[in-house]
Amino acid sequence: MTLNDRHINKTSFTPSPAHTALKKAARVIGIMAGLIVGVLLWAILKPICRGVGWIISILTAAGIIYWITTL
């Protein structure tokens, strides 16, 4: 059985203005929440990554110094 235009266009949904406004408000709130979470993660994780970088550099330098002195 083949579908004709009457069967394909049977589900036509037109959102009400309130539904459209609710979707727009939910989208704005979602974007704002994402921005806040992103800024908080950036503010918290950036210093931690810098600290980890310094620790790796210090441990590497200490390892090289130890290796040179024990040759």
N, C-alpha and C. Protein backbone atom coordinates (compact mmCIF):
# COMPACT_ATOMS: atom_id res chain seq x y z
N MET A 1 0.86 -1.18 0.00
CA MET A 1 0.00 0.00 0.00
C MET A 1 0.90 1.23 0.00
N THR A 2 0.66 2.11 -0.93
CA THR A 2 1.46 3.33 -1.03
C THR A 2 0.79 4.47 -0.29
N LEU A 3 1.60 5.37 0.26
CA LEU A 3 1.06 6.52 0.97
C LEU A 3 0.83 7.66 0.00
N ASN A 4 -0.31 8.30 0.12
CA ASN A 4 -0.56 9.48 -0.70
C ASN A 4 -0.46 10.74 0.16
N ASP A 5 -0.68 11.89 -0.41
CA ASP A 5 -0.53 13.15 0.32
C ASP A 5 -1.46 13.26 1.52
N ARG A 6 -2.64 12.66 1.43
CA ARG A 6 -3.59 12.74 2.53
C ARG A 6 -3.05 12.04 3.77
N HIS A 7 -2.36 10.90 3.59
CA HIS A 7 -1.82 10.17 4.72
C HIS A 7 -0.56 10.84 5.26
N ILE A 8 0.25 11.40 4.38
CA ILE A 8 1.51 12.01 4.82
C ILE A 8 1.25 13.29 5.60
N ASN A 9 0.32 14.13 5.15
CA ASN A 9 0.07 15.42 5.78
C ASN A 9 -0.99 15.34 6.88
N LYS A 10 -1.26 14.17 7.37
CA LYS A 10 -2.31 14.01 8.37
C LYS A 10 -1.91 14.63 9.71
N THR A 11 -0.65 14.60 10.06
CA THR A 11 -0.21 15.11 11.35
C THR A 11 0.38 16.51 11.17
N SER A 12 -0.48 17.50 11.03
CA SER A 12 0.00 18.88 10.94
C SER A 12 -0.22 19.53 12.30
N PHE A 13 0.85 19.95 12.93
CA PHE A 13 0.79 20.54 14.26
C PHE A 13 1.28 21.98 14.16
N THR A 14 0.43 22.90 14.58
CA THR A 14 0.84 24.31 14.61
C THR A 14 0.95 24.72 16.07
N PRO A 15 2.17 25.07 16.52
CA PRO A 15 2.31 25.44 17.92
C PRO A 15 1.64 26.77 18.23
N SER A 16 1.08 26.85 19.42
CA SER A 16 0.44 28.09 19.85
C SER A 16 1.51 29.11 20.20
N PRO A 17 1.17 30.40 20.26
CA PRO A 17 2.16 31.41 20.65
C PRO A 17 2.74 31.16 22.04
N ALA A 18 1.91 30.64 22.94
CA ALA A 18 2.41 30.35 24.29
C ALA A 18 3.45 29.23 24.25
N HIS A 19 3.20 28.23 23.42
CA HIS A 19 4.15 27.12 23.29
C HIS A 19 5.46 27.61 22.69
N THR A 20 5.38 28.48 21.69
CA THR A 20 6.58 29.04 21.08
C THR A 20 7.36 29.88 22.08
N ALA A 21 6.66 30.69 22.87
CA ALA A 21 7.33 31.52 23.87
C ALA A 21 7.96 30.66 24.96
N LEU A 22 7.30 29.58 25.33
CA LEU A 22 7.85 28.68 26.34
C LEU A 22 9.11 28.00 25.83
N LYS A 23 9.11 27.59 24.56
CA LYS A 23 10.30 26.97 23.99
C LYS A 23 11.46 27.97 23.95
N LYS A 24 11.17 29.21 23.58
CA LYS A 24 12.22 30.22 23.51
C LYS A 24 12.78 30.52 24.90
N ALA A 25 11.90 30.61 25.89
CA ALA A 25 12.35 30.87 27.26
C ALA A 25 13.18 29.70 27.79
N ALA A 26 12.76 28.48 27.51
CA ALA A 26 13.52 27.31 27.96
C ALA A 26 14.89 27.28 27.29
N ARG A 27 14.95 27.67 26.03
CA ARG A 27 16.23 27.69 25.33
C ARG A 27 17.17 28.74 25.93
N VAL A 28 16.63 29.93 26.23
CA VAL A 28 17.44 30.99 26.83
C VAL A 28 17.94 30.57 28.20
N ILE A 29 17.08 29.95 28.99
CA ILE A 29 17.48 29.50 30.33
C ILE A 29 18.54 28.40 30.22
N GLY A 30 18.40 27.50 29.26
CA GLY A 30 19.39 26.44 29.06
C GLY A 30 20.74 27.01 28.65
N ILE A 31 20.73 28.01 27.77
CA ILE A 31 21.99 28.63 27.35
C ILE A 31 22.64 29.35 28.52
N MET A 32 21.86 30.07 29.31
CA MET A 32 22.40 30.77 30.48
C MET A 32 22.99 29.79 31.49
N ALA A 33 22.30 28.68 31.75
CA ALA A 33 22.81 27.68 32.68
C ALA A 33 24.11 27.07 32.15
N GLY A 34 24.17 26.81 30.85
CA GLY A 34 25.40 26.28 30.26
C GLY A 34 26.56 27.25 30.37
N LEU A 35 26.27 28.52 30.15
CA LEU A 35 27.33 29.53 30.28
C LEU A 35 27.85 29.61 31.71
N ILE A 36 26.94 29.58 32.68
CA ILE A 36 27.35 29.66 34.09
C ILE A 36 28.20 28.44 34.46
N VAL A 37 27.76 27.26 34.06
CA VAL A 37 28.52 26.04 34.37
C VAL A 37 29.88 26.08 33.68
N GLY A 38 29.91 26.54 32.43
CA GLY A 38 31.17 26.63 31.71
C GLY A 38 32.16 27.58 32.35
N VAL A 39 31.68 28.75 32.77
CA VAL A 39 32.56 29.72 33.42
C VAL A 39 33.06 29.19 34.76
N LEU A 40 32.19 28.54 35.51
CA LEU A 40 32.62 27.97 36.79
C LEU A 40 33.66 26.88 36.59
N LEU A 41 33.44 26.00 35.63
CA LEU A 41 34.43 24.95 35.37
C LEU A 41 35.75 25.54 34.90
N TRP A 42 35.68 26.57 34.06
CA TRP A 42 36.90 27.23 33.58
C TRP A 42 37.64 27.87 34.75
N ALA A 43 36.90 28.52 35.66
CA ALA A 43 37.54 29.19 36.79
C ALA A 43 38.13 28.18 37.78
N ILE A 44 37.55 27.00 37.87
CA ILE A 44 38.04 26.01 38.83
C ILE A 44 39.13 25.13 38.21
N LEU A 45 38.93 24.68 36.98
CA LEU A 45 39.87 23.73 36.38
C LEU A 45 41.13 24.38 35.82
N LYS A 46 41.05 25.64 35.42
CA LYS A 46 42.23 26.28 34.83
C LYS A 46 43.39 26.36 35.84
N PRO A 47 43.18 26.84 37.08
CA PRO A 47 44.29 26.85 38.04
C PRO A 47 44.79 25.45 38.39
N ILE A 48 43.88 24.48 38.42
CA ILE A 48 44.30 23.11 38.73
C ILE A 48 45.23 22.59 37.63
N CYS A 49 44.87 22.86 36.38
CA CYS A 49 45.71 22.41 35.26
C CYS A 49 47.06 23.12 35.29
N ARG A 50 47.06 24.40 35.64
CA ARG A 50 48.33 25.11 35.76
C ARG A 50 49.18 24.51 36.88
N GLY A 51 48.55 24.20 38.01
CA GLY A 51 49.26 23.60 39.13
C GLY A 51 49.84 22.25 38.76
N VAL A 52 49.06 21.44 38.03
CA VAL A 52 49.54 20.13 37.61
C VAL A 52 50.72 20.30 36.66
N GLY A 53 50.68 21.29 35.81
CA GLY A 53 51.79 21.55 34.90
C GLY A 53 53.06 21.90 35.65
N TRP A 54 52.93 22.74 36.69
CA TRP A 54 54.10 23.10 37.50
C TRP A 54 54.66 21.88 38.23
N ILE A 55 53.77 21.04 38.76
CA ILE A 55 54.22 19.84 39.48
C ILE A 55 54.98 18.91 38.53
N ILE A 56 54.44 18.73 37.32
CA ILE A 56 55.13 17.88 36.35
C ILE A 56 56.48 18.47 35.99
N SER A 57 56.55 19.78 35.82
CA SER A 57 57.83 20.42 35.48
C SER A 57 58.85 20.26 36.61
N ILE A 58 58.41 20.45 37.85
CA ILE A 58 59.32 20.32 38.99
C ILE A 58 59.80 18.88 39.13
N LEU A 59 58.89 17.92 38.99
CA LEU A 59 59.29 16.51 39.09
C LEU A 59 60.24 16.12 37.96
N THR A 60 60.00 16.63 36.78
CA THR A 60 60.89 16.34 35.65
C THR A 60 62.28 16.93 35.90
N ALA A 61 62.31 18.18 36.38
CA ALA A 61 63.60 18.82 36.65
C ALA A 61 64.35 18.06 37.75
N ALA A 62 63.61 17.65 38.80
CA ALA A 62 64.25 16.90 39.88
C ALA A 62 64.78 15.56 39.36
N GLY A 63 64.02 14.91 38.50
CA GLY A 63 64.46 13.64 37.93
C GLY A 63 65.70 13.80 37.06
N ILE A 64 65.76 14.87 36.28
CA ILE A 64 66.93 15.12 35.43
C ILE A 64 68.15 15.42 36.28
N ILE A 65 67.96 16.24 37.32
CA ILE A 65 69.08 16.56 38.22
C ILE A 65 69.59 15.29 38.90
N TYR A 66 68.69 14.46 39.37
CA TYR A 66 69.08 13.20 40.01
C TYR A 66 69.81 12.30 39.02
N TRP A 67 69.33 12.21 37.81
CA TRP A 67 69.94 11.37 36.79
C TRP A 67 71.34 11.85 36.45
N ILE A 68 71.51 13.18 36.34
CA ILE A 68 72.83 13.74 36.02
C ILE A 68 73.81 13.51 37.18
N THR A 69 73.36 13.69 38.42
CA THR A 69 74.26 13.55 39.56
C THR A 69 74.63 12.09 39.83
N THR A 70 73.85 11.14 39.36
CA THR A 70 74.15 9.72 39.63
C THR A 70 74.87 9.04 38.47
N LEU A 71 75.27 9.78 37.46
CA LEU A 71 75.97 9.15 36.33
C LEU A 71 77.33 8.65 36.70
